[in-house]
Structure formats: C-alpha cells, structure tokens
Amino acid sequence: MATTCPVISRISGVRSLDPAVWRRLTADGPHFYASLPWLAAQEDFSGQPQRLLVAEQDGAVTAVLPYAVPDREFNPFYEPRALWGERAPAADGLIHLGVGRGYDNPVLLEASPEGERGELVAALANEVGRLVAETGRPAVAQYVRATATDTVAALLGGTAVTVVPVGLNAVIRLPGTGFDDYLRALPGSRASRRRKIGYERRRFEAAGYHVGCEKLRDCRDELAPLLVQLQHKHGQSATTESTARLLGSQAEHLDGIVFTCRRDGDLLGFSLVYPWHDALHVRMAGFDYPRLAGAFEYFNLTTYLPIDHAYRHGLREVHLGMESYRAKLLRGAVLAPTITLLGPGAVDDPDGLRAAAWRRAAAWENEIHDTAGAFTITGVFKEAGACPNG
C-alpha cells in the first residue's frame, strides 16, 4: 500500500522508462497497444517521442498516463472533424490522452493496483489541468473502452465532459482446442454458417496458392504495395513510401507474423498479426487485387488462418478491430464499444456533436441491428446523455 502522495513528472520517450516498469504496466494482458515494443515502433515511425505523465509513490512508478500534443493528424479515424463534422474540434487543437493508434486506447496504465487509486487519479487530473492551461488546448481521449469511462472522465476534470460513441472492436473468443470447436460454438444458424465457412476455406485451398506463415522482418519489403492497394480500394490515402516506413519501424521492434498467399513466388495477399499474451491482434492486410483468384482470400488470411494459428499456439482470442461489423459477427465475433471523451472547453455544441456521432453510428444499422444497444453501458457514458435513449 502506497503511503506517500503521488509525485507526477513529465517524461519524453518510452525508452526513458525502465523496460521492467513497462512489463509491470502491461502485465494483465489486454494492453498490447501500450506495450513497449508497440510504442517504440510508433515513436520511430513518427519521429516524435511519446510524452508521458509518470506517477511515483514510495520511490516506485505506480502509474503512467501517455499523452500527445499533435501538430497534424494524418489518420481520419483520429480526426474528430473527419468523423463528426464541423461541430467537432480539430485534432491539432487538442491534447490527446492515451497511447493513440490501434483504435483501442489504454489511457491510464497502473503498475500498482493496490495503490490509492482515487488519490492517484486526482494527482494526474491536476497535471492534465496544468497541461491544458499551459497549451491552451482542451483534452480528449479517443477509442476508450467502456469499462474505463469513469476513470478517464475523472482524468479530464470530471465535469462538462462530452461523451460520444466512436467504434466497436470485434473479438473472436476461442473455445476448446481446435477449429472444429470454434465452428461448433458459432451463434445463430450454426449449420449454415459452418457450411459457408467450410466452403470459403475449400475455395481458398483449391485456388492453388502457396500459403505461408512468415516473419515480418523477412518479408516486410513486399507488403507495402499490397497494403496501399487495399487502402485505396476503401478510399483512404496512403503512399507506398510512408507505408514501407511504417512496416519497417514495426519490423524493428515487434515479432510480427505474416500469413501469405503466393503464386510462383509472387506475393498476392497477406495479413499481419501480432501475438500478445493470450491473444492475436490482426493489424493489417493487403492484396494484389487484379491477380487474385476470387477465392475468399480476405477472410482466409485475416480470420481463418489466424484462428488456426491461435489454436495451435494456445491463444484464446483473435482481435479483428473495427469496421465490416456484419462480416465479423457472422464469423463469431463479439463487439465491444469504444468511445471518445472530450474534456471541458473542447466542444461548443455538445448536443449537436452527440447527434452527429449517433448519426454516424446509425449508418451501421444494416450491419448491427441494435446500434444504440451495443453502446448501452453504465457510468458517466449514460449520465452524459450520449445514448439517444439514455
């Protein structure tokens, strides 16, 4: 039990902290995006050190709160105005709490759960308030898990916090010991789903690809052109050069696994995944679309091969990320809500912003029959009036 008041310091660079501290911070498993290898890769790619608020009590680090003060945001999924229009503040006018990137944002990392949590959160909230005053920027926390909303609201000041839905993370939880157990556990019309998945796997196997499981460091130079094809197909802007740099930075720090399909040695499709504790995180995919056989390459590379791999290595979950909700639900995923919290002064018209955010969420109704229900949670989220029925 901590006996002294928390002392908060500001540190620049994730490698400024002892790796043993990071191991304690992420020991419970869910926080891949707060791991030292992931954050070091992000630092190297951006060229900017990660900023950290570090709390110490009795000579030991008890918590870390990452934050960023960006000059520009290139990813539209992290740009509030790209998500919700002019009622939202621009990313470059905000302090961003948490690790950023990954669409699953652990904001407060506690290395000593038995510590005085209330006192710790209050001390960090005071330091966030000082950052807001110094920079003239309100604070925001994006892609926060529902279970963390009350803590994050407290870090933002606890009052006048605007809370809006932002996305849903899809996770396939793996029962039993093999792919047949996964199939048997599928909800709904299981027989038809099993037949569909079996058909998609057989078509892929019959397409004549050479299917491999490769290390990112060995094939990273081949991936960028295919990833860019996928991004352009979905209306995203990306260059081969910047994508190659991103992959290179991750290859230097992370033990990435790449599921590949090749023909005559040429790479035609891939998915990039990262194992972390008992889960596999599917991060990227790419395809040479004109040369594909049309054999359900996407689902085999991003879902079925990762599930097979997870079972073989004793992993219990496959994290598929956001978007394409209907396809992921049909393959047994469960959806976990993520939200954005904007601190005092960030939003001029909270009611208008909430309405815009729910209009965006309503666009998923053809994939998710009860979008509002998917975001029904307790705590500050409900109290803030984010749910139109809440």
Protein backbone atom coordinates (compact mmCIF):
# COMPACT_ATOMS: atom_id res chain seq x y z
CA MET A 1 0.00 0.00 0.00
CA ALA A 2 1.42 3.40 -1.02
CA THR A 3 1.92 5.76 1.92
CA THR A 4 3.05 8.99 0.26
CA CYS A 5 1.24 11.35 -2.08
CA PRO A 6 1.85 10.69 -5.77
CA VAL A 7 4.59 12.77 -7.37
CA ILE A 8 3.90 13.49 -11.05
CA SER A 9 6.69 14.11 -13.54
CA ARG A 10 6.76 14.60 -17.31
CA ILE A 11 8.97 12.31 -19.37
CA SER A 12 9.68 12.28 -23.09
CA GLY A 13 10.25 8.95 -24.83
CA VAL A 14 9.03 5.49 -23.92
CA ARG A 15 12.58 4.19 -23.61
CA SER A 16 13.20 6.70 -20.83
CA LEU A 17 11.38 4.30 -18.52
CA ASP A 18 12.91 1.00 -17.38
CA PRO A 19 11.56 -1.90 -19.50
CA ALA A 20 10.71 -3.65 -16.24
CA VAL A 21 8.26 -0.85 -15.49
CA TRP A 22 6.55 -1.37 -18.84
CA ARG A 23 6.30 -5.08 -18.13
CA ARG A 24 4.52 -4.33 -14.86
CA LEU A 25 2.29 -1.77 -16.55
CA THR A 26 1.08 -4.26 -19.16
CA ALA A 27 1.24 -7.45 -17.12
CA ASP A 28 -2.51 -8.13 -17.17
CA GLY A 29 -2.54 -8.80 -20.91
CA PRO A 30 -5.14 -6.56 -22.61
CA HIS A 31 -2.80 -3.66 -23.30
CA PHE A 32 -0.87 -4.63 -26.45
CA TYR A 33 -1.11 -1.03 -27.67
CA ALA A 34 0.59 0.16 -24.51
CA SER A 35 3.46 -2.32 -24.76
CA LEU A 36 6.99 -1.02 -25.04
CA PRO A 37 7.63 -2.63 -28.47
CA TRP A 38 4.45 -1.15 -29.97
CA LEU A 39 5.09 2.35 -28.59
CA ALA A 40 8.75 2.27 -29.61
CA ALA A 41 7.71 1.38 -33.16
CA GLN A 42 5.25 4.28 -33.21
CA GLU A 43 7.94 6.66 -31.96
CA ASP A 44 10.39 5.60 -34.64
CA PHE A 45 7.79 5.94 -37.40
CA SER A 46 6.56 9.38 -36.32
CA GLY A 47 9.97 10.74 -35.39
CA GLN A 48 8.35 12.18 -32.25
CA PRO A 49 8.90 10.85 -28.74
CA GLN A 50 5.85 9.70 -26.81
CA ARG A 51 5.11 12.05 -23.93
CA LEU A 52 4.29 10.55 -20.55
CA LEU A 53 2.97 11.67 -17.18
CA VAL A 54 4.61 9.38 -14.64
CA ALA A 55 3.32 8.95 -11.09
CA GLU A 56 5.70 7.77 -8.37
CA GLN A 57 4.90 6.78 -4.82
CA ASP A 58 7.36 5.48 -2.25
CA GLY A 59 10.11 5.53 -4.88
CA ALA A 60 8.27 3.32 -7.37
CA VAL A 61 6.34 4.10 -10.54
CA THR A 62 2.68 3.44 -9.80
CA ALA A 63 1.05 4.75 -12.99
CA VAL A 64 1.77 6.20 -16.41
CA LEU A 65 -0.52 8.38 -18.49
CA PRO A 66 0.68 8.84 -22.10
CA TYR A 67 -0.34 11.97 -24.00
CA ALA A 68 0.35 13.81 -27.24
CA VAL A 69 0.11 17.40 -28.49
CA PRO A 70 -0.01 16.88 -32.28
CA ASP A 71 0.64 19.50 -34.94
CA ARG A 72 -1.26 17.49 -37.54
CA GLU A 73 -3.34 14.32 -37.75
CA PHE A 74 -2.97 12.20 -40.88
CA ASN A 75 -5.36 9.39 -39.92
CA PRO A 76 -9.02 10.45 -40.42
CA PHE A 77 -10.15 7.95 -37.78
CA TYR A 78 -8.29 10.05 -35.21
CA GLU A 79 -9.52 13.39 -36.58
CA PRO A 80 -12.78 14.34 -34.79
CA ARG A 81 -13.86 16.62 -37.63
CA ALA A 82 -13.42 13.84 -40.19
CA LEU A 83 -15.66 11.65 -38.03
CA TRP A 84 -18.34 14.13 -36.93
CA GLY A 85 -18.06 17.31 -38.97
CA GLU A 86 -17.57 20.93 -38.02
CA ARG A 87 -19.25 20.61 -34.63
CA ALA A 88 -16.20 18.61 -33.53
CA PRO A 89 -12.87 20.21 -32.59
CA ALA A 90 -9.84 19.68 -34.83
CA ALA A 91 -7.25 17.15 -33.65
CA ASP A 92 -4.43 19.72 -33.83
CA GLY A 93 -6.19 21.88 -31.24
CA LEU A 94 -6.37 19.18 -28.56
CA ILE A 95 -4.22 17.34 -26.04
CA HIS A 96 -4.72 13.63 -26.69
CA LEU A 97 -4.67 11.35 -23.66
CA GLY A 98 -3.57 7.76 -24.07
CA VAL A 99 -1.33 5.85 -26.41
CA GLY A 100 -3.10 6.62 -29.69
CA ARG A 101 -3.09 4.29 -32.71
CA GLY A 102 -4.68 0.89 -32.68
CA TYR A 103 -8.28 2.04 -32.02
CA ASP A 104 -8.05 0.58 -28.52
CA ASN A 105 -6.69 3.22 -26.20
CA PRO A 106 -5.45 2.37 -22.72
CA VAL A 107 -5.23 5.81 -21.14
CA LEU A 108 -4.15 5.12 -17.56
CA LEU A 109 -1.63 2.33 -17.01
CA GLU A 110 -1.39 1.27 -13.38
CA ALA A 111 1.61 -0.67 -12.21
CA SER A 112 0.40 -0.89 -8.62
CA PRO A 113 -3.29 -1.77 -8.47
CA GLU A 114 -3.22 -1.90 -4.67
CA GLY A 115 -2.27 1.79 -4.54
CA GLU A 116 -4.55 4.65 -3.56
CA ARG A 117 -6.41 4.89 -6.87
CA GLY A 118 -8.54 7.93 -6.09
CA GLU A 119 -5.56 9.97 -4.93
CA LEU A 120 -3.54 8.80 -7.92
CA VAL A 121 -6.23 9.78 -10.45
CA ALA A 122 -6.71 13.15 -8.75
CA ALA A 123 -2.99 13.92 -8.92
CA LEU A 124 -2.83 13.03 -12.60
CA ALA A 125 -6.00 15.02 -13.32
CA ASN A 126 -4.37 18.07 -11.74
CA GLU A 127 -1.37 17.65 -14.05
CA VAL A 128 -3.66 17.26 -17.08
CA GLY A 129 -5.31 20.52 -16.00
CA ARG A 130 -1.90 22.21 -15.94
CA LEU A 131 -1.15 20.93 -19.44
CA VAL A 132 -4.48 22.32 -20.66
CA ALA A 133 -3.71 25.70 -19.12
CA GLU A 134 -0.16 25.80 -20.49
CA THR A 135 -1.04 24.82 -24.05
CA GLY A 136 -4.46 26.44 -24.33
CA ARG A 137 -5.74 23.13 -25.70
CA PRO A 138 -8.62 21.13 -24.20
CA ALA A 139 -8.06 17.42 -23.69
CA VAL A 140 -9.59 14.41 -25.44
CA ALA A 141 -9.38 10.65 -25.01
CA GLN A 142 -10.32 8.61 -28.08
CA TYR A 143 -11.23 4.91 -28.51
CA VAL A 144 -11.59 4.32 -24.77
CA ARG A 145 -13.03 1.03 -23.55
CA ALA A 146 -16.42 1.28 -21.90
CA THR A 147 -15.06 -0.04 -18.61
CA ALA A 148 -12.62 2.88 -18.35
CA THR A 149 -15.05 5.75 -18.91
CA ASP A 150 -15.42 6.89 -15.30
CA THR A 151 -11.66 6.92 -14.70
CA VAL A 152 -10.96 8.78 -17.95
CA ALA A 153 -13.72 11.31 -17.22
CA ALA A 154 -12.06 11.96 -13.86
CA LEU A 155 -8.70 12.50 -15.57
CA LEU A 156 -10.38 15.03 -17.86
CA GLY A 157 -11.66 17.02 -14.90
CA GLY A 158 -14.81 15.12 -14.04
CA THR A 159 -17.32 17.76 -15.17
CA ALA A 160 -18.58 19.08 -18.50
CA VAL A 161 -17.22 16.01 -20.30
CA THR A 162 -18.81 15.24 -23.68
CA VAL A 163 -19.04 11.52 -24.36
CA VAL A 164 -19.80 10.07 -27.81
CA PRO A 165 -19.70 6.64 -29.49
CA VAL A 166 -16.79 6.15 -31.88
CA GLY A 167 -16.41 2.49 -32.81
CA LEU A 168 -16.78 -1.18 -31.96
CA ASN A 169 -13.89 -3.61 -31.62
CA ALA A 170 -14.52 -7.16 -32.84
CA VAL A 171 -13.03 -10.10 -30.93
CA ILE A 172 -13.40 -13.82 -31.61
CA ARG A 173 -13.10 -15.83 -28.40
CA LEU A 174 -11.89 -19.36 -28.98
CA PRO A 175 -13.47 -22.24 -27.08
CA GLY A 176 -12.00 -25.71 -26.92
CA THR A 177 -8.80 -26.75 -28.61
CA GLY A 178 -9.30 -26.57 -32.38
CA PHE A 179 -11.08 -25.08 -35.38
CA ASP A 180 -13.97 -27.54 -35.11
CA ASP A 181 -14.66 -26.24 -31.59
CA TYR A 182 -14.79 -22.70 -33.00
CA LEU A 183 -17.30 -23.81 -35.64
CA ARG A 184 -19.49 -25.63 -33.12
CA ALA A 185 -19.65 -22.50 -30.93
CA LEU A 186 -20.87 -20.16 -33.67
CA PRO A 187 -24.12 -18.47 -32.63
CA GLY A 188 -27.35 -18.32 -34.63
CA SER A 189 -27.81 -20.59 -37.63
CA ARG A 190 -24.69 -22.58 -36.91
CA ALA A 191 -25.15 -25.24 -39.56
CA SER A 192 -25.42 -22.73 -42.39
CA ARG A 193 -22.51 -20.71 -41.04
CA ARG A 194 -20.37 -23.82 -40.74
CA ARG A 195 -21.18 -24.73 -44.33
CA LYS A 196 -20.34 -21.22 -45.53
CA ILE A 197 -17.01 -21.12 -43.71
CA GLY A 198 -16.17 -24.62 -44.92
CA TYR A 199 -16.96 -23.59 -48.49
CA GLU A 200 -14.79 -20.46 -48.23
CA ARG A 201 -11.86 -22.47 -46.86
CA ARG A 202 -12.16 -25.13 -49.57
CA ARG A 203 -12.28 -22.49 -52.32
CA PHE A 204 -9.13 -20.90 -50.94
CA GLU A 205 -7.34 -24.23 -50.70
CA ALA A 206 -8.34 -25.09 -54.28
CA ALA A 207 -7.07 -21.79 -55.68
CA GLY A 208 -3.54 -23.16 -55.93
CA TYR A 209 -1.81 -20.60 -53.72
CA HIS A 210 1.29 -21.38 -51.75
CA VAL A 211 0.14 -20.42 -48.24
CA GLY A 212 2.77 -19.46 -45.68
CA CYS A 213 3.34 -18.16 -42.18
CA GLU A 214 6.33 -15.82 -42.39
CA LYS A 215 8.15 -13.39 -40.13
CA LEU A 216 7.55 -9.70 -40.71
CA ARG A 217 11.26 -8.94 -40.71
CA ASP A 218 11.75 -11.39 -43.60
CA CYS A 219 9.03 -10.12 -45.96
CA ARG A 220 8.37 -6.52 -44.93
CA ASP A 221 9.65 -5.05 -48.22
CA GLU A 222 6.92 -6.89 -50.15
CA LEU A 223 3.94 -5.75 -48.09
CA ALA A 224 3.56 -2.01 -48.67
CA PRO A 225 2.31 -2.09 -52.30
CA LEU A 226 -0.43 -4.58 -51.40
CA LEU A 227 -1.48 -2.69 -48.28
CA VAL A 228 -1.74 0.52 -50.29
CA GLN A 229 -3.98 -1.25 -52.81
CA LEU A 230 -6.39 -2.18 -50.03
CA GLN A 231 -6.34 1.34 -48.56
CA HIS A 232 -7.03 2.94 -51.94
CA LYS A 233 -9.85 0.45 -52.55
CA HIS A 234 -11.51 1.75 -49.38
CA GLY A 235 -10.99 5.42 -50.19
CA GLN A 236 -8.01 6.01 -47.90
CA SER A 237 -4.97 7.99 -48.98
CA ALA A 238 -1.61 6.31 -48.50
CA THR A 239 1.74 6.19 -50.21
CA THR A 240 3.95 3.17 -50.68
CA GLU A 241 6.90 5.08 -49.20
CA SER A 242 5.19 6.04 -45.91
CA THR A 243 3.61 2.59 -45.60
CA ALA A 244 7.00 0.93 -46.09
CA ARG A 245 8.44 3.15 -43.34
CA LEU A 246 5.60 2.18 -41.01
CA LEU A 247 6.15 -1.52 -41.65
CA GLY A 248 9.90 -1.10 -41.26
CA SER A 249 9.56 0.54 -37.85
CA GLN A 250 7.27 -2.26 -36.67
CA ALA A 251 9.59 -4.93 -38.02
CA GLU A 252 12.44 -3.45 -35.97
CA HIS A 253 10.56 -3.68 -32.67
CA LEU A 254 7.80 -6.29 -32.96
CA ASP A 255 7.70 -10.00 -33.69
CA GLY A 256 5.09 -9.75 -36.40
CA ILE A 257 3.62 -12.83 -38.07
CA VAL A 258 2.55 -12.58 -41.72
CA PHE A 259 0.11 -15.02 -43.28
CA THR A 260 0.82 -15.03 -47.00
CA CYS A 261 -0.56 -16.44 -50.20
CA ARG A 262 1.80 -16.59 -53.16
CA ARG A 263 1.83 -17.82 -56.73
CA ASP A 264 5.15 -18.59 -58.43
CA GLY A 265 6.84 -16.83 -55.53
CA ASP A 266 4.92 -13.57 -56.02
CA LEU A 267 3.04 -12.23 -53.01
CA LEU A 268 -0.66 -11.80 -53.85
CA GLY A 269 -2.17 -11.36 -50.39
CA PHE A 270 -1.18 -11.11 -46.73
CA SER A 271 -2.35 -10.34 -43.22
CA LEU A 272 -0.08 -9.05 -40.46
CA VAL A 273 -0.79 -10.14 -36.90
CA TYR A 274 0.86 -9.68 -33.51
CA PRO A 275 0.66 -12.18 -30.64
CA TRP A 276 0.39 -10.63 -27.21
CA HIS A 277 -0.22 -12.63 -24.04
CA ASP A 278 -3.15 -14.93 -24.89
CA ALA A 279 -4.42 -13.00 -27.93
CA LEU A 280 -3.62 -12.47 -31.58
CA HIS A 281 -4.12 -8.94 -32.94
CA VAL A 282 -4.88 -8.71 -36.66
CA ARG A 283 -3.41 -5.36 -37.71
CA MET A 284 -3.12 -5.09 -41.49
CA ALA A 285 -3.94 -6.84 -44.73
CA GLY A 286 -3.15 -6.22 -48.37
CA PHE A 287 -3.87 -7.74 -51.77
CA ASP A 288 -2.78 -7.57 -55.39
CA TYR A 289 -6.41 -7.44 -56.48
CA PRO A 290 -6.05 -7.93 -60.25
CA ARG A 291 -4.16 -11.18 -59.70
CA LEU A 292 -6.43 -12.80 -57.09
CA ALA A 293 -8.45 -15.90 -57.88
CA GLY A 294 -11.55 -14.61 -56.10
CA ALA A 295 -11.33 -17.41 -53.52
CA PHE A 296 -12.28 -15.60 -50.30
CA GLU A 297 -8.70 -14.55 -49.78
CA TYR A 298 -9.63 -11.78 -47.32
CA PHE A 299 -11.46 -13.96 -44.80
CA ASN A 300 -8.96 -16.80 -45.03
CA LEU A 301 -5.97 -14.55 -44.43
CA THR A 302 -7.50 -12.25 -41.81
CA THR A 303 -9.73 -14.69 -39.92
CA TYR A 304 -9.43 -18.43 -40.60
CA LEU A 305 -5.63 -18.71 -40.74
CA PRO A 306 -5.23 -16.56 -37.60
CA ILE A 307 -7.80 -18.74 -35.77
CA ASP A 308 -5.91 -21.89 -36.78
CA HIS A 309 -2.64 -20.32 -35.64
CA ALA A 310 -4.13 -19.18 -32.33
CA TYR A 311 -5.38 -22.68 -31.53
CA ARG A 312 -2.03 -24.25 -32.39
CA HIS A 313 -0.23 -21.86 -30.03
CA GLY A 314 -2.67 -21.91 -27.12
CA LEU A 315 -4.07 -18.40 -27.67
CA ARG A 316 -7.65 -17.70 -26.63
CA GLU A 317 -8.71 -14.64 -28.64
CA VAL A 318 -8.33 -13.16 -32.12
CA HIS A 319 -8.80 -9.39 -32.25
CA LEU A 320 -10.16 -8.24 -35.62
CA GLY A 321 -10.52 -4.49 -34.95
CA MET A 322 -13.22 -2.19 -36.29
CA GLU A 323 -15.40 -1.89 -39.40
CA SER A 324 -17.06 -4.64 -41.52
CA TYR A 325 -19.16 -5.49 -38.48
CA ARG A 326 -21.68 -7.78 -40.16
CA ALA A 327 -18.98 -9.96 -41.70
CA LYS A 328 -17.22 -10.27 -38.36
CA LEU A 329 -20.43 -11.02 -36.45
CA LEU A 330 -21.26 -13.79 -38.92
CA ARG A 331 -17.90 -15.35 -38.13
CA GLY A 332 -18.50 -15.40 -34.41
CA ALA A 333 -17.06 -12.09 -33.24
CA VAL A 334 -18.41 -10.16 -30.28
CA LEU A 335 -18.38 -6.36 -30.41
CA ALA A 336 -17.02 -4.18 -27.61
CA PRO A 337 -17.88 -0.46 -27.63
CA THR A 338 -15.20 2.21 -27.68
CA ILE A 339 -15.97 5.84 -27.00
CA THR A 340 -14.46 9.30 -27.17
CA LEU A 341 -14.47 11.67 -24.20
CA LEU A 342 -13.86 15.38 -24.78
CA GLY A 343 -12.91 17.50 -21.81
CA PRO A 344 -14.22 20.90 -20.71
CA GLY A 345 -13.87 23.57 -23.39
CA ALA A 346 -13.37 21.11 -26.25
CA VAL A 347 -16.92 21.29 -27.64
CA ASP A 348 -19.03 24.40 -28.25
CA ASP A 349 -22.23 22.46 -29.02
CA PRO A 350 -22.25 19.15 -27.09
CA ASP A 351 -25.80 18.26 -28.10
CA GLY A 352 -25.00 18.84 -31.77
CA LEU A 353 -21.84 16.76 -31.54
CA ARG A 354 -23.64 13.90 -29.84
CA ALA A 355 -26.32 13.97 -32.53
CA ALA A 356 -23.66 13.86 -35.27
CA ALA A 357 -21.90 10.96 -33.56
CA TRP A 358 -25.12 8.97 -33.31
CA ARG A 359 -25.95 9.66 -36.94
CA ARG A 360 -22.60 8.11 -37.85
CA ALA A 361 -23.31 5.13 -35.62
CA ALA A 362 -26.77 4.75 -37.17
CA ALA A 363 -25.06 4.07 -40.50
CA TRP A 364 -24.03 0.71 -39.05
CA GLU A 365 -27.66 -0.39 -38.59
CA ASN A 366 -27.53 -2.54 -41.71
CA GLU A 367 -24.68 -4.46 -40.04
CA ILE A 368 -25.71 -4.23 -36.38
CA HIS A 369 -29.41 -4.47 -35.67
CA ASP A 370 -29.27 -2.54 -32.38
CA THR A 371 -26.51 0.03 -32.62
CA ALA A 372 -27.68 2.00 -29.59
CA GLY A 373 -27.88 -1.23 -27.60
CA ALA A 374 -24.28 -2.03 -28.49
CA PHE A 375 -23.27 1.21 -26.74
CA THR A 376 -25.51 0.89 -23.68
CA ILE A 377 -23.15 0.95 -20.72
CA THR A 378 -23.19 2.31 -17.21
CA GLY A 379 -21.38 5.14 -15.53
CA VAL A 380 -20.53 8.53 -16.96
CA PHE A 381 -21.33 7.47 -20.53
CA LYS A 382 -25.02 7.08 -19.68
CA GLU A 383 -25.05 10.08 -17.37
CA ALA A 384 -23.54 12.26 -20.09
CA GLY A 385 -26.58 11.59 -22.28
CA ALA A 386 -24.57 10.03 -25.08
CA CYS A 387 -27.15 7.36 -25.84
CA PRO A 388 -30.22 8.80 -27.60
CA ASN A 389 -32.43 6.62 -25.39
CA GLY A 390 -30.37 7.14 -22.25
